[in-house]
């Protein structure tokens, strides 16, 4: 199981590679977002941006268990350095031994302290190349789209 934070999910959507990344991990890991990440992703829609639909149509939102909700609230009160989506994602990853897909340096540092496995966009792009789902030219095009849109 891979849990995407808001920034990671947004990059996939803006670069138009959501379905490609789902295919990359198909049969190995399912991709999910948390309810707080969902809430963060729908905010841009209020301003006319539609990129989040690519995530919301293809990636399920996890149901948070009661104990995870309690841990989330405790952790949220303990740290102001992380956003709600990141905190909720970290709690779920820790409880379910999931991989955390994030771009945020503070979230990565915090996750490493909790021994949570991490996935970065660079690793994802390398895997797309290594598995043959994309060639070098396509990867360069994806990188260009990421740089232009994010």
Protein backbone atom coordinates (compact mmCIF):
# COMPACT_ATOMS: atom_id res chain seq x y z
CA UNK A 1 0.00 0.00 0.00
CA UNK A 2 1.27 3.46 -0.94
CA UNK A 3 -0.23 6.57 0.64
CA UNK A 4 0.12 9.76 -1.40
CA UNK A 5 0.32 13.14 0.25
CA UNK A 6 -1.23 16.17 -1.42
CA UNK A 7 1.88 17.46 -3.15
CA UNK A 8 2.83 14.05 -4.54
CA UNK A 9 -0.69 13.43 -5.79
CA UNK A 10 -0.82 16.91 -7.33
CA UNK A 11 2.43 16.37 -9.21
CA UNK A 12 1.13 13.10 -10.65
CA UNK A 13 -2.09 14.79 -11.74
CA UNK A 14 -0.48 17.91 -13.19
CA UNK A 15 2.07 15.84 -15.12
CA UNK A 16 -0.79 13.62 -16.31
CA UNK A 17 0.84 10.38 -15.12
CA UNK A 18 -1.68 9.14 -12.54
CA UNK A 19 -2.77 6.14 -14.59
CA UNK A 20 0.82 5.37 -15.59
CA UNK A 21 1.93 5.28 -11.94
CA UNK A 22 -1.06 3.11 -11.03
CA UNK A 23 0.04 0.72 -13.79
CA UNK A 24 3.64 0.84 -12.49
CA UNK A 25 2.60 -0.42 -9.06
CA UNK A 26 -0.28 -2.64 -10.21
CA UNK A 27 -0.16 -6.05 -8.57
CA UNK A 28 2.40 -4.85 -6.04
CA UNK A 29 0.94 -1.83 -4.27
CA UNK A 30 -2.40 -0.08 -4.34
CA UNK A 31 -2.34 3.72 -4.20
CA UNK A 32 -4.51 5.62 -1.73
CA UNK A 33 -5.07 9.08 -0.31
CA UNK A 34 -6.38 9.94 3.14
CA UNK A 35 -9.51 11.98 3.87
CA UNK A 36 -7.42 15.04 4.78
CA UNK A 37 -5.48 14.77 1.51
CA UNK A 38 -8.81 14.51 -0.28
CA UNK A 39 -9.95 17.72 1.43
CA UNK A 40 -6.74 19.48 0.39
CA UNK A 41 -7.08 18.27 -3.20
CA UNK A 42 -10.60 19.61 -3.67
CA UNK A 43 -9.69 23.16 -2.60
CA UNK A 44 -8.20 24.12 -6.02
CA UNK A 45 -11.45 23.03 -7.68
CA UNK A 46 -13.20 25.93 -5.94
CA UNK A 47 -10.91 28.19 -7.97
CA UNK A 48 -11.49 26.45 -11.29
CA UNK A 49 -8.53 24.04 -11.32
CA UNK A 50 -9.48 20.52 -12.38
CA UNK A 51 -6.20 18.61 -12.08
CA UNK A 52 -7.29 16.93 -8.84
CA UNK A 53 -10.05 15.06 -10.71
CA UNK A 54 -7.34 12.81 -12.18
CA UNK A 55 -6.51 11.69 -8.64
CA UNK A 56 -10.05 11.54 -7.31
CA UNK A 57 -11.29 9.44 -10.24
CA UNK A 58 -8.45 6.92 -10.03
CA UNK A 59 -7.28 6.67 -6.43
CA UNK A 60 -9.42 5.58 -3.50
CA UNK A 61 -9.73 7.44 -0.21
CA UNK A 62 -8.91 5.30 2.80
CA UNK A 63 -11.24 4.99 5.75
CA UNK A 64 -9.48 6.09 8.91
CA UNK A 65 -9.87 3.77 11.88
CA UNK A 66 -10.88 5.26 15.27
CA UNK A 67 -7.47 4.65 16.84
CA UNK A 68 -5.76 6.23 13.83
CA UNK A 69 -8.01 9.27 14.24
CA UNK A 70 -6.96 9.59 17.89
CA UNK A 71 -3.28 9.27 16.94
CA UNK A 72 -3.77 11.83 14.15
CA UNK A 73 -5.28 14.37 16.56
CA UNK A 74 -2.49 13.82 19.10
CA UNK A 75 0.23 14.17 16.46
CA UNK A 76 -1.45 17.20 14.92
CA UNK A 77 -1.32 18.92 18.32
CA UNK A 78 2.32 17.94 18.81
CA UNK A 79 3.66 19.26 15.51
CA UNK A 80 2.99 22.44 13.62
CA UNK A 81 5.62 21.73 10.98
CA UNK A 82 3.39 19.39 8.97
CA UNK A 83 0.03 19.84 7.28
CA UNK A 84 -3.07 17.85 8.14
CA UNK A 85 -2.77 15.61 5.09
CA UNK A 86 0.83 14.78 5.86
CA UNK A 87 0.10 14.03 9.51
CA UNK A 88 -2.85 11.79 8.68
CA UNK A 89 -0.82 10.01 5.98
CA UNK A 90 2.07 9.41 8.37
CA UNK A 91 -0.23 7.96 11.04
CA UNK A 92 -1.82 5.59 8.54
CA UNK A 93 1.54 4.56 7.09
CA UNK A 94 2.87 3.84 10.55
CA UNK A 95 -0.18 1.79 11.56
CA UNK A 96 -0.54 -0.13 8.31
CA UNK A 97 3.13 -0.49 7.34
CA UNK A 98 2.43 1.47 4.18
CA UNK A 99 4.85 3.40 1.99
CA UNK A 100 4.55 7.20 2.18
CA UNK A 101 4.82 9.11 -1.12
CA UNK A 102 5.80 12.68 -0.31
CA UNK A 103 7.82 15.56 -1.65
CA UNK A 104 7.95 17.49 1.62
CA UNK A 105 11.36 17.53 3.33
CA UNK A 106 9.93 17.89 6.84
CA UNK A 107 7.47 15.05 6.26
CA UNK A 108 10.30 12.86 4.93
CA UNK A 109 12.46 13.61 7.95
CA UNK A 110 9.58 12.94 10.36
CA UNK A 111 8.71 9.70 8.56
CA UNK A 112 12.29 8.46 8.61
CA UNK A 113 12.34 8.92 12.39
CA UNK A 114 9.30 6.63 12.54
CA UNK A 115 10.91 4.09 10.17
CA UNK A 116 8.25 4.63 7.51
CA UNK A 117 9.28 3.65 4.01
CA UNK A 118 9.32 6.58 1.59
CA UNK A 119 8.69 7.00 -2.11
CA UNK A 120 9.90 10.10 -3.92
CA UNK A 121 8.95 11.29 -7.38
CA UNK A 122 12.51 10.72 -8.61
CA UNK A 123 12.33 7.05 -7.63
CA UNK A 124 8.97 6.76 -9.36
CA UNK A 125 10.38 8.20 -12.58
CA UNK A 126 13.38 5.87 -12.40
CA UNK A 127 11.05 2.88 -11.98
CA UNK A 128 8.97 3.99 -14.97
CA UNK A 129 12.17 4.01 -17.03
CA UNK A 130 13.56 0.76 -15.59
CA UNK A 131 10.33 -1.16 -16.16
CA UNK A 132 10.04 0.08 -19.74
CA UNK A 133 6.72 1.83 -19.15
CA UNK A 134 8.45 5.00 -20.35
CA UNK A 135 11.51 5.63 -22.44
CA UNK A 136 14.11 8.33 -21.79
CA UNK A 137 12.36 10.88 -24.01
CA UNK A 138 9.04 10.31 -22.27
CA UNK A 139 10.66 10.69 -18.83
CA UNK A 140 12.26 13.97 -19.92
CA UNK A 141 8.85 15.14 -21.14
CA UNK A 142 7.29 14.22 -17.78
CA UNK A 143 10.04 16.10 -15.94
CA UNK A 144 9.42 19.13 -18.13
CA UNK A 145 5.66 19.00 -17.36
CA UNK A 146 6.40 18.73 -13.65
CA UNK A 147 8.71 21.73 -13.77
CA UNK A 148 6.20 23.78 -15.77
CA UNK A 149 3.15 22.96 -13.67
CA UNK A 150 4.55 22.66 -10.19
